[in-house]
Every structure is written in C-alpha cells, then in structure tokens.
Amino acid sequence: MVLPMENLSAMRPGNNLLQSSRRKEAFLRNTIKTLHYKVMKLEKDLIEARHFANHDLLTGLANRGLLRDRLLQSINQANRQGKQVGLLILDLNGFKSINDTYGHNIGDEVLIQMARRLIACVRAEDSTYRYGGDEFVVLLPEVDGIEGANELKKKLLEKLAVSYKIGRISILAPASIGVAVYPTDGKNQMELINHADENMYTEKTKSNGFYTNNSGRHK
C-alpha cells in the first residue's frame, strides 16, 4: 500500500517540529498580549488610586494632603527667587443651615458649584483645594504682596455672593475669606495657614452667617 504524498509529509519529524514551534509562538504571543493588557490596567488603576488619594471625591478639587506638598514647594521656590506666596481660606456662611433646611444633597451641590466658581476665578498657575467640609483654599504660588491677594479676594467675594441655582431653589451662600502672604504673615506652612484661618474667622464675625458650634469654633 502506497500512502499519499501529503501523508508522508505529515509524518516527517521536521514538519511536526515546525507545527509545534508555531503553536508555541502563537501561545507566547497571546500570553504577552494578555500580560500587556494586565500591566496597562494596573498602571491605570495606580494612576486613579493616586488621583483619588490626593483629590476630593465630591468636588474633584485637590485635598489638604496635596495642599501641604504644593505649599511647601511654593515656599521653597519663593525663598530661592525672593518672591511671595499668597494663601486664601474660604468658608461658606451659614452652610449648616443649608444642609438642615434643604438636605445634604442640596448642600453638596452648592459645594460643587462653589468649586467651579473658584476654578473660574483663579489664574492658570494658581490652584484650588477643598480643605474640609465647606472650607476651601486657593494657593497663589507667586503674588504681588497683600495687594495682589486682596485683589483676588475681592473678585471671589463678588463671584460667591451670587445665588446658587439648584432646580427651582435659589440659595444665597456668601463666603468669608481670610488672606495670608508668605513670608510676611508666616514663616512656614502652618503659620501661614493659621494666619489665613484666623483672618477668615475674623471676617466671619462681621457677616450674618456667624455662629458658634458645640466646639466653640466659629462657623
């Protein structure tokens, strides 16, 4: 009995090795492709994790952890270049009453809209932060003294005095703003933040939104 030529070719050891090699190559290509996909996903997840660790989930603004890093960088740069750093701390007047009257969903929407207004008011080189609750911070890495900081303060006060429109609800929530300038008002991060914070609460005592909470701290 004579076998067909194609069957004879299939029985040759060289062909078997070639087919086995091609199967292994295909398997390795698929494995590499799968690993590449997994590595890309891990890198994406890592970037997202770092973002969420440094940003507020509600407003999308940077948080106080990132503020500390950037404020320190700005102070170090100011020391090298002989410049000044501005810091503004903002607090909404009577924000607790907004939550009590309309609920936290409406209160959250006010904070989201406030964050958008802050971003719209600052320069590209400035940065905005949610410091906690209804407190926000604007960092000016380079500012022309207290005059420059107060110029932005005036702009922000006007912008934040406009009522917030949420559905059919119109809410007035003006802000109190404290200002500090490095190195005049503080020699380090905490001194600068504390000065701006005290300045802000002094301003708040002049507003209709002044009250004292259970801890004795003004709001």
N, C-alpha and C. Protein backbone atom coordinates (compact mmCIF):
# COMPACT_ATOMS: atom_id res chain seq x y z
N MET A 1 0.85 -1.20 0.00
CA MET A 1 0.00 0.00 0.00
C MET A 1 0.89 1.24 0.00
N VAL A 2 0.55 2.16 -0.88
CA VAL A 2 1.34 3.40 -1.03
C VAL A 2 0.55 4.56 -0.43
N LEU A 3 1.16 5.29 0.55
CA LEU A 3 0.49 6.44 1.18
C LEU A 3 0.58 7.66 0.28
N PRO A 4 -0.45 8.53 0.33
CA PRO A 4 -0.39 9.78 -0.43
C PRO A 4 0.80 10.61 0.02
N MET A 5 1.27 11.47 -0.86
CA MET A 5 2.45 12.29 -0.57
C MET A 5 2.22 13.21 0.63
N GLU A 6 0.96 13.77 0.74
CA GLU A 6 0.72 14.69 1.86
C GLU A 6 0.81 13.98 3.20
N ASN A 7 0.40 12.70 3.24
CA ASN A 7 0.50 11.95 4.48
C ASN A 7 1.95 11.66 4.83
N LEU A 8 2.72 11.41 3.78
CA LEU A 8 4.15 11.18 4.02
C LEU A 8 4.81 12.42 4.58
N SER A 9 4.37 13.62 4.05
CA SER A 9 4.96 14.89 4.53
C SER A 9 4.61 15.13 5.99
N ALA A 10 3.35 14.75 6.33
CA ALA A 10 2.91 14.98 7.70
C ALA A 10 3.67 14.14 8.70
N MET A 11 4.19 12.99 8.20
CA MET A 11 4.89 12.07 9.10
C MET A 11 6.34 12.46 9.31
N ARG A 12 6.83 13.43 8.55
CA ARG A 12 8.22 13.81 8.68
C ARG A 12 8.44 14.55 10.00
N PRO A 13 9.49 14.26 10.75
CA PRO A 13 9.76 14.91 12.04
C PRO A 13 9.89 16.42 11.93
N GLY A 14 10.46 16.90 10.83
CA GLY A 14 10.65 18.35 10.67
C GLY A 14 9.34 19.10 10.66
N ASN A 15 8.33 18.54 10.00
CA ASN A 15 7.02 19.20 9.96
C ASN A 15 6.38 19.24 11.33
N ASN A 16 6.50 18.16 12.08
CA ASN A 16 5.95 18.12 13.43
C ASN A 16 6.60 19.18 14.33
N LEU A 17 7.90 19.33 14.19
CA LEU A 17 8.61 20.34 14.97
C LEU A 17 8.19 21.74 14.58
N LEU A 18 7.99 21.96 13.28
CA LEU A 18 7.58 23.28 12.79
C LEU A 18 6.20 23.64 13.32
N GLN A 19 5.27 22.68 13.26
CA GLN A 19 3.91 22.92 13.75
C GLN A 19 3.91 23.18 15.26
N SER A 20 4.73 22.41 15.98
CA SER A 20 4.82 22.60 17.43
C SER A 20 5.40 23.97 17.76
N SER A 21 6.39 24.37 16.96
CA SER A 21 7.01 25.68 17.18
C SER A 21 6.03 26.81 16.93
N ARG A 22 5.20 26.65 15.89
CA ARG A 22 4.22 27.68 15.56
C ARG A 22 3.15 27.77 16.64
N ARG A 23 2.76 26.62 17.20
CA ARG A 23 1.76 26.64 18.27
C ARG A 23 2.32 27.34 19.51
N LYS A 24 3.59 27.06 19.81
CA LYS A 24 4.22 27.70 20.97
C LYS A 24 4.35 29.21 20.75
N GLU A 25 4.69 29.57 19.51
CA GLU A 25 4.82 31.00 19.21
C GLU A 25 3.49 31.71 19.36
N ALA A 26 2.42 31.07 18.87
CA ALA A 26 1.08 31.67 18.99
C ALA A 26 0.67 31.79 20.45
N PHE A 27 0.99 30.76 21.24
CA PHE A 27 0.67 30.79 22.66
C PHE A 27 1.42 31.91 23.37
N LEU A 28 2.71 32.08 23.04
CA LEU A 28 3.52 33.13 23.66
C LEU A 28 3.01 34.52 23.28
N ARG A 29 2.61 34.65 22.02
CA ARG A 29 2.08 35.95 21.57
C ARG A 29 0.80 36.29 22.36
N ASN A 30 -0.07 35.33 22.51
CA ASN A 30 -1.30 35.57 23.27
C ASN A 30 -1.01 35.87 24.73
N THR A 31 -0.01 35.16 25.29
CA THR A 31 0.37 35.38 26.68
C THR A 31 0.92 36.79 26.87
N ILE A 32 1.79 37.21 25.95
CA ILE A 32 2.37 38.56 26.01
C ILE A 32 1.28 39.61 25.88
N LYS A 33 0.34 39.38 24.97
CA LYS A 33 -0.76 40.32 24.77
C LYS A 33 -1.61 40.44 26.03
N THR A 34 -1.88 39.29 26.67
CA THR A 34 -2.67 39.29 27.91
C THR A 34 -1.93 40.01 29.03
N LEU A 35 -0.63 39.73 29.16
CA LEU A 35 0.18 40.38 30.20
C LEU A 35 0.26 41.89 29.97
N HIS A 36 0.40 42.28 28.71
CA HIS A 36 0.45 43.71 28.39
C HIS A 36 -0.84 44.39 28.80
N TYR A 37 -1.96 43.76 28.52
CA TYR A 37 -3.26 44.32 28.90
C TYR A 37 -3.36 44.47 30.41
N LYS A 38 -2.90 43.43 31.15
CA LYS A 38 -2.98 43.47 32.60
C LYS A 38 -2.08 44.56 33.18
N VAL A 39 -0.87 44.71 32.59
CA VAL A 39 0.04 45.76 33.06
C VAL A 39 -0.55 47.14 32.82
N MET A 40 -1.14 47.35 31.64
CA MET A 40 -1.77 48.63 31.32
C MET A 40 -2.91 48.94 32.29
N LYS A 41 -3.70 47.91 32.61
CA LYS A 41 -4.81 48.11 33.55
C LYS A 41 -4.30 48.44 34.94
N LEU A 42 -3.23 47.76 35.37
CA LEU A 42 -2.66 48.04 36.68
C LEU A 42 -2.12 49.46 36.75
N GLU A 43 -1.47 49.91 35.67
CA GLU A 43 -0.96 51.28 35.63
C GLU A 43 -2.11 52.29 35.70
N LYS A 44 -3.19 52.01 34.99
CA LYS A 44 -4.36 52.88 35.02
C LYS A 44 -4.97 52.93 36.42
N ASP A 45 -5.09 51.75 37.05
CA ASP A 45 -5.64 51.68 38.41
C ASP A 45 -4.76 52.43 39.39
N LEU A 46 -3.43 52.36 39.20
CA LEU A 46 -2.50 53.05 40.08
C LEU A 46 -2.63 54.56 39.94
N ILE A 47 -2.76 55.02 38.70
CA ILE A 47 -2.94 56.46 38.46
C ILE A 47 -4.24 56.94 39.10
N GLU A 48 -5.31 56.17 38.96
CA GLU A 48 -6.59 56.54 39.54
C GLU A 48 -6.51 56.55 41.07
N ALA A 49 -5.81 55.55 41.63
CA ALA A 49 -5.67 55.47 43.08
C ALA A 49 -4.91 56.69 43.62
N ARG A 50 -3.85 57.07 42.92
CA ARG A 50 -3.08 58.25 43.33
C ARG A 50 -3.94 59.50 43.23
N HIS A 51 -4.75 59.59 42.18
CA HIS A 51 -5.61 60.76 41.99
C HIS A 51 -6.62 60.86 43.14
N PHE A 52 -7.29 59.73 43.44
CA PHE A 52 -8.30 59.74 44.49
C PHE A 52 -7.68 59.99 45.86
N ALA A 53 -6.43 59.58 46.04
CA ALA A 53 -5.76 59.82 47.32
C ALA A 53 -5.46 61.29 47.53
N ASN A 54 -5.36 62.05 46.45
CA ASN A 54 -4.97 63.47 46.54
C ASN A 54 -6.09 64.43 46.16
N HIS A 55 -7.28 63.90 45.86
CA HIS A 55 -8.37 64.77 45.42
C HIS A 55 -9.66 64.45 46.16
N ASP A 56 -10.48 65.48 46.29
CA ASP A 56 -11.77 65.34 46.93
C ASP A 56 -12.76 64.69 45.96
N LEU A 57 -13.46 63.65 46.41
CA LEU A 57 -14.35 62.90 45.52
C LEU A 57 -15.57 63.73 45.09
N LEU A 58 -16.04 64.61 45.96
CA LEU A 58 -17.25 65.38 45.64
C LEU A 58 -16.99 66.47 44.61
N THR A 59 -16.01 67.30 44.86
CA THR A 59 -15.76 68.47 44.00
C THR A 59 -14.70 68.23 42.93
N GLY A 60 -13.87 67.22 43.12
CA GLY A 60 -12.77 66.99 42.19
C GLY A 60 -11.56 67.85 42.46
N LEU A 61 -11.65 68.74 43.44
CA LEU A 61 -10.50 69.59 43.78
C LEU A 61 -9.44 68.79 44.54
N ALA A 62 -8.22 69.29 44.51
CA ALA A 62 -7.16 68.69 45.31
C ALA A 62 -7.52 68.80 46.79
N ASN A 63 -7.00 67.89 47.62
CA ASN A 63 -7.32 67.90 49.04
C ASN A 63 -6.19 68.52 49.86
N ARG A 64 -6.36 68.49 51.18
CA ARG A 64 -5.39 69.17 52.04
C ARG A 64 -4.01 68.49 52.02
N GLY A 65 -3.98 67.18 51.73
CA GLY A 65 -2.70 66.50 51.63
C GLY A 65 -1.86 67.05 50.50
N LEU A 66 -2.49 67.26 49.35
CA LEU A 66 -1.79 67.82 48.20
C LEU A 66 -1.47 69.29 48.43
N LEU A 67 -2.33 69.98 49.17
CA LEU A 67 -2.05 71.38 49.51
C LEU A 67 -0.75 71.51 50.27
N ARG A 68 -0.54 70.64 51.26
CA ARG A 68 0.69 70.71 52.06
C ARG A 68 1.93 70.56 51.17
N ASP A 69 1.87 69.63 50.24
CA ASP A 69 3.01 69.41 49.35
C ASP A 69 3.26 70.63 48.47
N ARG A 70 2.21 71.14 47.86
CA ARG A 70 2.37 72.26 46.93
C ARG A 70 2.71 73.56 47.64
N LEU A 71 2.18 73.73 48.84
CA LEU A 71 2.51 74.93 49.61
C LEU A 71 3.98 74.92 49.98
N LEU A 72 4.49 73.76 50.39
CA LEU A 72 5.91 73.66 50.72
C LEU A 72 6.76 73.93 49.49
N GLN A 73 6.39 73.39 48.35
CA GLN A 73 7.11 73.65 47.10
C GLN A 73 7.11 75.14 46.77
N SER A 74 5.95 75.79 46.95
CA SER A 74 5.84 77.22 46.64
C SER A 74 6.71 78.05 47.57
N ILE A 75 6.74 77.69 48.86
CA ILE A 75 7.57 78.42 49.82
C ILE A 75 9.05 78.26 49.49
N ASN A 76 9.45 77.03 49.16
CA ASN A 76 10.86 76.79 48.81
C ASN A 76 11.24 77.57 47.55
N GLN A 77 10.35 77.60 46.58
CA GLN A 77 10.63 78.35 45.35
C GLN A 77 10.68 79.85 45.63
N ALA A 78 9.78 80.32 46.49
CA ALA A 78 9.78 81.74 46.84
C ALA A 78 11.08 82.13 47.54
N ASN A 79 11.60 81.25 48.37
CA ASN A 79 12.87 81.52 49.06
C ASN A 79 14.02 81.63 48.07
N ARG A 80 14.01 80.75 47.06
CA ARG A 80 15.09 80.77 46.06
C ARG A 80 15.01 82.01 45.18
N GLN A 81 13.81 82.44 44.86
CA GLN A 81 13.63 83.51 43.89
C GLN A 81 13.29 84.86 44.53
N GLY A 82 13.17 84.88 45.85
CA GLY A 82 12.86 86.13 46.53
C GLY A 82 11.47 86.64 46.24
N LYS A 83 10.50 85.74 46.13
CA LYS A 83 9.13 86.12 45.81
C LYS A 83 8.21 85.84 46.99
N GLN A 84 6.92 86.12 46.80
CA GLN A 84 5.93 85.94 47.86
C GLN A 84 4.86 84.94 47.43
N VAL A 85 4.28 84.27 48.44
CA VAL A 85 3.24 83.27 48.22
C VAL A 85 1.96 83.75 48.89
N GLY A 86 0.84 83.63 48.20
CA GLY A 86 -0.45 84.02 48.76
C GLY A 86 -1.29 82.80 49.11
N LEU A 87 -2.07 82.91 50.18
CA LEU A 87 -2.95 81.82 50.59
C LEU A 87 -4.29 82.41 51.02
N LEU A 88 -5.37 81.92 50.44
CA LEU A 88 -6.71 82.37 50.80
C LEU A 88 -7.51 81.18 51.31
N ILE A 89 -8.12 81.32 52.47
CA ILE A 89 -9.02 80.30 53.03
C ILE A 89 -10.44 80.84 52.99
N LEU A 90 -11.34 80.03 52.44
CA LEU A 90 -12.73 80.44 52.26
C LEU A 90 -13.66 79.52 53.03
N ASP A 91 -14.72 80.10 53.56
CA ASP A 91 -15.71 79.32 54.29
C ASP A 91 -17.09 79.90 53.96
N LEU A 92 -18.04 79.03 53.63
CA LEU A 92 -19.39 79.49 53.33
C LEU A 92 -20.12 79.88 54.61
N ASN A 93 -20.77 81.02 54.59
CA ASN A 93 -21.51 81.49 55.76
C ASN A 93 -22.84 80.74 55.87
N GLY A 94 -23.10 80.20 57.06
CA GLY A 94 -24.37 79.54 57.31
C GLY A 94 -24.58 78.27 56.53
N PHE A 95 -23.50 77.56 56.19
CA PHE A 95 -23.66 76.35 55.38
C PHE A 95 -24.44 75.27 56.12
N LYS A 96 -24.30 75.21 57.44
CA LYS A 96 -25.02 74.20 58.22
C LYS A 96 -26.52 74.37 58.06
N SER A 97 -26.98 75.61 58.01
CA SER A 97 -28.42 75.84 57.87
C SER A 97 -28.92 75.40 56.49
N ILE A 98 -28.04 75.44 55.48
CA ILE A 98 -28.42 74.96 54.15
C ILE A 98 -28.68 73.45 54.21
N ASN A 99 -27.76 72.72 54.84
CA ASN A 99 -27.95 71.28 54.99
C ASN A 99 -29.19 70.97 55.82
N ASP A 100 -29.41 71.73 56.89
CA ASP A 100 -30.55 71.48 57.77
C ASP A 100 -31.87 71.77 57.06
N THR A 101 -31.88 72.79 56.21
CA THR A 101 -33.12 73.21 55.55
C THR A 101 -33.43 72.39 54.31
N TYR A 102 -32.42 72.15 53.48
CA TYR A 102 -32.64 71.53 52.18
C TYR A 102 -32.13 70.09 52.07
N GLY A 103 -31.30 69.68 53.01
CA GLY A 103 -30.74 68.33 52.95
C GLY A 103 -29.32 68.35 52.40
N HIS A 104 -28.61 67.27 52.64
CA HIS A 104 -27.19 67.20 52.27
C HIS A 104 -26.98 67.14 50.76
N ASN A 105 -27.94 66.61 50.01
CA ASN A 105 -27.78 66.56 48.55
C ASN A 105 -27.70 67.97 47.97
N ILE A 106 -28.56 68.85 48.46
CA ILE A 106 -28.53 70.24 48.01
C ILE A 106 -27.25 70.91 48.50
N GLY A 107 -26.88 70.62 49.74
CA GLY A 107 -25.63 71.18 50.27
C GLY A 107 -24.43 70.76 49.44
N ASP A 108 -24.39 69.50 49.05
CA ASP A 108 -23.30 69.00 48.21
C ASP A 108 -23.27 69.73 46.86
N GLU A 109 -24.44 69.98 46.30
CA GLU A 109 -24.49 70.66 45.01
C GLU A 109 -23.98 72.10 45.13
N VAL A 110 -24.26 72.74 46.25
CA VAL A 110 -23.71 74.09 46.49
C VAL A 110 -22.18 74.04 46.51
N LEU A 111 -21.62 73.03 47.17
CA LEU A 111 -20.17 72.90 47.23
C LEU A 111 -19.57 72.64 45.85
N ILE A 112 -20.25 71.84 45.05
CA ILE A 112 -19.77 71.55 43.70
C ILE A 112 -19.77 72.82 42.86
N GLN A 113 -20.85 73.59 42.95
CA GLN A 113 -20.93 74.84 42.18
C GLN A 113 -19.91 75.85 42.68
N MET A 114 -19.69 75.88 43.98
CA MET A 114 -18.68 76.79 44.54
C MET A 114 -17.31 76.45 43.99
N ALA A 115 -16.98 75.16 43.95
CA ALA A 115 -15.68 74.74 43.43
C ALA A 115 -15.49 75.21 42.00
N ARG A 116 -16.54 75.12 41.19
CA ARG A 116 -16.47 75.57 39.80
C ARG A 116 -16.21 77.07 39.72
N ARG A 117 -16.84 77.82 40.60
CA ARG A 117 -16.63 79.28 40.61
C ARG A 117 -15.19 79.62 40.99
N LEU A 118 -14.65 78.88 41.94
CA LEU A 118 -13.26 79.13 42.34
C LEU A 118 -12.32 78.91 41.16
N ILE A 119 -12.50 77.79 40.49
CA ILE A 119 -11.63 77.45 39.35
C ILE A 119 -11.72 78.53 38.27
N ALA A 120 -12.93 79.06 38.07
CA ALA A 120 -13.14 80.07 37.03
C ALA A 120 -12.48 81.40 37.38
N CYS A 121 -12.20 81.64 38.65
CA CYS A 121 -11.67 82.93 39.09
C CYS A 121 -10.14 83.00 39.15
N VAL A 122 -9.49 81.86 39.32
CA VAL A 122 -8.05 81.88 39.57
C VAL A 122 -7.26 81.80 38.27
N ARG A 123 -5.99 82.14 38.36
CA ARG A 123 -5.09 82.06 37.21
C ARG A 123 -4.67 80.61 36.98
N ALA A 124 -4.10 80.38 35.81
CA ALA A 124 -3.68 79.02 35.45
C ALA A 124 -2.61 78.50 36.41
N GLU A 125 -1.76 79.39 36.92
CA GLU A 125 -0.67 78.96 37.81
C GLU A 125 -1.12 78.79 39.27
N ASP A 126 -2.33 79.25 39.59
CA ASP A 126 -2.87 79.09 40.93
C ASP A 126 -3.55 77.74 41.06
N SER A 127 -3.85 77.33 42.28
CA SER A 127 -4.51 76.04 42.49
C SER A 127 -5.54 76.15 43.61
N THR A 128 -6.58 75.33 43.50
CA THR A 128 -7.69 75.36 44.45
C THR A 128 -7.81 74.02 45.16
N TYR A 129 -8.29 74.06 46.40
CA TYR A 129 -8.35 72.86 47.24
C TYR A 129 -9.62 72.87 48.08
N ARG A 130 -10.14 71.68 48.32
CA ARG A 130 -11.17 71.55 49.35
C ARG A 130 -10.45 71.15 50.62
N TYR A 131 -10.47 72.05 51.59
CA TYR A 131 -9.71 71.84 52.82
C TYR A 131 -10.44 70.94 53.80
N GLY A 132 -11.77 70.90 53.66
CA GLY A 132 -12.59 70.08 54.55
C GLY A 132 -13.94 70.73 54.77
N GLY A 133 -15.01 69.92 54.76
CA GLY A 133 -16.34 70.48 54.96
C GLY A 133 -16.66 71.53 53.92
N ASP A 134 -16.99 72.73 54.38
CA ASP A 134 -17.27 73.84 53.46
C ASP A 134 -16.12 74.83 53.42
N GLU A 135 -14.93 74.38 53.76
CA GLU A 135 -13.73 75.22 53.70
C GLU A 135 -12.91 74.90 52.46
N PHE A 136 -12.48 75.95 51.79
CA PHE A 136 -11.69 75.81 50.57
C PHE A 136 -10.45 76.69 50.68
N VAL A 137 -9.44 76.35 49.90
CA VAL A 137 -8.20 77.12 49.90
C VAL A 137 -7.77 77.42 48.47
N VAL A 138 -7.27 78.63 48.27
CA VAL A 138 -6.67 79.00 46.99
C VAL A 138 -5.20 79.33 47.26
N LEU A 139 -4.32 78.68 46.54
CA LEU A 139 -2.88 78.90 46.68
C LEU A 139 -2.37 79.70 45.50
N LEU A 140 -1.69 80.81 45.82
CA LEU A 140 -1.08 81.66 44.80
C LEU A 140 0.43 81.50 44.93
N PRO A 141 1.06 80.68 44.11
CA PRO A 141 2.50 80.41 44.25
C PRO A 141 3.37 81.64 44.03
N GLU A 142 2.80 82.63 43.39
CA GLU A 142 3.51 83.90 43.19
C GLU A 142 2.49 85.02 43.21
N VAL A 143 2.67 85.97 44.14
CA VAL A 143 1.68 87.04 44.30
C VAL A 143 2.39 88.35 44.59
N ASP A 144 1.77 89.43 44.19
CA ASP A 144 2.32 90.76 44.40
C ASP A 144 1.86 91.29 45.77
N GLY A 145 2.38 90.67 46.83
CA GLY A 145 2.07 91.12 48.18
C GLY A 145 0.61 90.99 48.55
N ILE A 146 0.25 91.64 49.66
CA ILE A 146 -1.12 91.58 50.16
C ILE A 146 -2.10 92.22 49.18
N GLU A 147 -1.60 93.20 48.41
CA GLU A 147 -2.49 93.86 47.44
C GLU A 147 -2.96 92.87 46.37
N GLY A 148 -2.04 92.05 45.90
CA GLY A 148 -2.41 91.07 44.89
C GLY A 148 -3.37 90.03 45.43
N ALA A 149 -3.14 89.59 46.66
CA ALA A 149 -4.02 88.60 47.27
C ALA A 149 -5.41 89.19 47.52
N ASN A 150 -5.45 90.44 47.98
CA ASN A 150 -6.74 91.09 48.24
C ASN A 150 -7.51 91.35 46.95
N GLU A 151 -6.81 91.52 45.85
CA GLU A 151 -7.48 91.71 44.57
C GLU A 151 -8.27 90.45 44.19
N LEU A 152 -7.66 89.28 44.40
CA LEU A 152 -8.37 88.04 44.14
C LEU A 152 -9.49 87.84 45.16
N LYS A 153 -9.24 88.21 46.40
CA LYS A 153 -10.26 88.09 47.44
C LYS A 153 -11.51 88.87 47.05
N LYS A 154 -11.36 90.08 46.56
CA LYS A 154 -12.49 90.90 46.15
C LYS A 154 -13.25 90.24 45.00
N LYS A 155 -12.51 89.69 44.07
CA LYS A 155 -13.12 89.02 42.92
C LYS A 155 -13.92 87.80 43.37
N LEU A 156 -13.36 87.04 44.30
CA LEU A 156 -14.04 85.84 44.79
C LEU A 156 -15.28 86.20 45.59
N LEU A 157 -15.21 87.22 46.42
CA LEU A 157 -16.36 87.64 47.21
C LEU A 157 -17.53 88.02 46.31
N GLU A 158 -17.24 88.70 45.23
CA GLU A 158 -18.30 89.09 44.29
C GLU A 158 -18.89 87.87 43.59
N LYS A 159 -18.02 86.96 43.19
CA LYS A 159 -18.47 85.77 42.47
C LYS A 159 -19.30 84.86 43.37
N LEU A 160 -18.89 84.71 44.62
CA LEU A 160 -19.56 83.80 45.53
C LEU A 160 -20.80 84.41 46.18
N ALA A 161 -21.00 85.70 46.00
CA ALA A 161 -22.19 86.36 46.54
C ALA A 161 -23.42 86.12 45.67
N VAL A 162 -23.20 85.63 44.46
CA VAL A 162 -24.31 85.34 43.55
C VAL A 162 -25.00 84.06 44.02
N SER A 163 -26.33 84.06 43.99
CA SER A 163 -27.07 82.90 44.49
C SER A 163 -26.82 81.66 43.64
N TYR A 164 -26.95 80.51 44.29
CA TYR A 164 -26.78 79.22 43.62
C TYR A 164 -28.15 78.73 43.16
N LYS A 165 -28.25 78.35 41.89
CA LYS A 165 -29.50 77.85 41.33
C LYS A 165 -29.44 76.32 41.29
N ILE A 166 -30.32 75.69 42.04
CA ILE A 166 -30.40 74.24 42.06
C ILE A 166 -31.86 73.84 41.85
N GLY A 167 -32.18 73.44 40.64
CA GLY A 167 -33.58 73.19 40.31
C GLY A 167 -34.36 74.48 40.45
N ARG A 168 -35.41 74.46 41.23
CA ARG A 168 -36.21 75.66 41.47
C ARG A 168 -35.78 76.41 42.72
N ILE A 169 -34.74 75.91 43.34
CA ILE A 169 -34.26 76.53 44.58
C ILE A 169 -33.16 77.55 44.27
N SER A 170 -33.23 78.68 44.94
CA SER A 170 -32.19 79.70 44.84
C SER A 170 -31.61 79.92 46.23
N ILE A 171 -30.32 79.70 46.37
CA ILE A 171 -29.68 79.75 47.69
C ILE A 171 -28.56 80.79 47.70
N LEU A 172 -28.62 81.68 48.69
CA LEU A 172 -27.53 82.63 48.90
C LEU A 172 -26.57 82.04 49.94
N ALA A 173 -25.31 81.95 49.56
CA ALA A 173 -24.30 81.41 50.48
C ALA A 173 -22.99 82.16 50.28
N PRO A 174 -22.96 83.42 50.67
CA PRO A 174 -21.72 84.19 50.52
C PRO A 174 -20.62 83.60 51.38
N ALA A 175 -19.40 83.97 51.05
CA ALA A 175 -18.24 83.38 51.74
C ALA A 175 -17.51 84.41 52.58
N SER A 176 -16.83 83.92 53.61
CA SER A 176 -15.87 84.72 54.34
C SER A 176 -14.48 84.24 53.92
N ILE A 177 -13.57 85.19 53.69
CA ILE A 177 -12.26 84.84 53.14
C ILE A 177 -11.15 85.45 53.99
N GLY A 178 -10.21 84.60 54.37
CA GLY A 178 -9.03 85.06 55.09
C GLY A 178 -7.81 84.99 54.19
N VAL A 179 -6.92 85.96 54.33
CA VAL A 179 -5.76 86.06 53.45
C VAL A 179 -4.47 86.04 54.27
N ALA A 180 -3.46 85.38 53.73
CA ALA A 180 -2.12 85.40 54.33
C ALA A 180 -1.09 85.40 53.20
N VAL A 181 0.03 86.09 53.45
CA VAL A 181 1.09 86.18 52.45
C VAL A 181 2.42 85.78 53.09
N TYR A 182 3.10 84.87 52.43
CA TYR A 182 4.44 84.45 52.88
C TYR A 182 5.48 85.38 52.26
N PRO A 183 6.48 85.83 53.03
CA PRO A 183 6.80 85.47 54.43
C PRO A 183 6.27 86.43 55.47
N THR A 184 5.50 87.45 55.05
CA THR A 184 5.04 88.48 55.99
C THR A 184 4.18 87.90 57.11
N ASP A 185 3.24 87.02 56.76
CA ASP A 185 2.25 86.52 57.72
C ASP A 185 2.58 85.14 58.29
N GLY A 186 3.71 84.60 57.94
CA GLY A 186 4.08 83.29 58.46
C GLY A 186 5.38 82.82 57.85
N LYS A 187 6.19 82.13 58.64
CA LYS A 187 7.50 81.68 58.18
C LYS A 187 7.49 80.24 57.68
N ASN A 188 6.35 79.56 57.86
CA ASN A 188 6.24 78.18 57.39
C ASN A 188 4.80 77.88 57.03
N GLN A 189 4.54 76.64 56.65
CA GLN A 189 3.21 76.26 56.19
C GLN A 189 2.13 76.51 57.25
N MET A 190 2.34 75.97 58.45
CA MET A 190 1.32 76.05 59.48
C MET A 190 1.07 77.48 59.93
N GLU A 191 2.11 78.28 60.05
CA GLU A 191 1.93 79.68 60.44
C GLU A 191 1.10 80.41 59.40
N LEU A 192 1.36 80.11 58.13
CA LEU A 192 0.64 80.78 57.06
C LEU A 192 -0.83 80.35 57.05
N ILE A 193 -1.08 79.05 57.19
CA ILE A 193 -2.45 78.55 57.22
C ILE A 193 -3.20 79.09 58.42
N ASN A 194 -2.56 79.10 59.58
CA ASN A 194 -3.22 79.59 60.80
C ASN A 194 -3.56 81.07 60.69
N HIS A 195 -2.66 81.84 60.10
CA HIS A 195 -2.92 83.27 59.95
C HIS A 195 -4.12 83.50 59.03
N ALA A 196 -4.16 82.80 57.91
CA ALA A 196 -5.30 82.94 56.98
C ALA A 196 -6.59 82.47 57.64
N ASP A 197 -6.51 81.39 58.43
CA ASP A 197 -7.69 80.85 59.10
C ASP A 197 -8.23 81.84 60.13
N GLU A 198 -7.36 82.41 60.92
CA GLU A 198 -7.78 83.40 61.90
C GLU A 198 -8.37 84.63 61.23
N ASN A 199 -7.74 85.04 60.14
CA ASN A 199 -8.23 86.18 59.37
C ASN A 199 -9.63 85.90 58.84
N MET A 200 -9.85 84.67 58.37
CA MET A 200 -11.14 84.30 57.82
C MET A 200 -12.23 84.34 58.89
N TYR A 201 -11.94 83.83 60.07
CA TYR A 201 -12.94 83.83 61.13
C TYR A 201 -13.20 85.21 61.69
N THR A 202 -12.22 86.08 61.62
CA THR A 202 -12.44 87.48 61.97
C THR A 202 -13.43 88.11 61.00
N GLU A 203 -13.25 87.78 59.70
CA GLU A 203 -14.19 88.27 58.69
C GLU A 203 -15.58 87.69 58.92
N LYS A 204 -15.66 86.45 59.34
CA LYS A 204 -16.95 85.79 59.52
C LYS A 204 -17.76 86.43 60.64
N THR A 205 -17.10 86.95 61.65
CA THR A 205 -17.82 87.60 62.75
C THR A 205 -18.57 88.84 62.27
N LYS A 206 -18.16 89.37 61.15
CA LYS A 206 -18.81 90.57 60.61
C LYS A 206 -20.01 90.22 59.72
N SER A 207 -20.17 88.92 59.41
CA SER A 207 -21.23 88.53 58.48
C SER A 207 -22.45 88.02 59.23
N ASN A 208 -23.55 87.91 58.51
CA ASN A 208 -24.78 87.39 59.09
C ASN A 208 -24.72 85.89 59.31
N GLY A 209 -23.71 85.22 58.72
CA GLY A 209 -23.61 83.77 58.84
C GLY A 209 -22.82 83.33 60.06
N PHE A 210 -22.56 84.27 60.98
CA PHE A 210 -21.73 83.93 62.14
C PHE A 210 -22.52 83.13 63.17
N TYR A 211 -21.93 82.06 63.64
CA TYR A 211 -22.47 81.34 64.78
C TYR A 211 -21.34 80.53 65.41
N THR A 212 -21.59 79.98 66.57
CA THR A 212 -20.58 79.17 67.24
C THR A 212 -21.13 77.76 67.40
N ASN A 213 -20.35 76.77 66.97
CA ASN A 213 -20.81 75.40 67.10
C ASN A 213 -20.48 74.86 68.49
N ASN A 214 -20.76 73.56 68.71
CA ASN A 214 -20.58 72.99 70.04
C ASN A 214 -19.14 73.02 70.53
N SER A 215 -18.19 73.03 69.57
CA SER A 215 -16.79 73.03 69.96
C SER A 215 -16.29 74.41 70.33
N GLY A 216 -17.17 75.42 70.11
CA GLY A 216 -16.76 76.79 70.39
C GLY A 216 -16.12 77.47 69.21
N ARG A 217 -15.89 76.72 68.12
CA ARG A 217 -15.25 77.31 66.95
C ARG A 217 -16.29 78.02 66.11
N HIS A 218 -15.94 79.15 65.60
CA HIS A 218 -16.88 79.93 64.79
C HIS A 218 -17.13 79.25 63.47
N LYS A 219 -18.34 79.42 62.94
CA LYS A 219 -18.68 78.89 61.61
C LYS A 219 -19.49 79.93 60.84
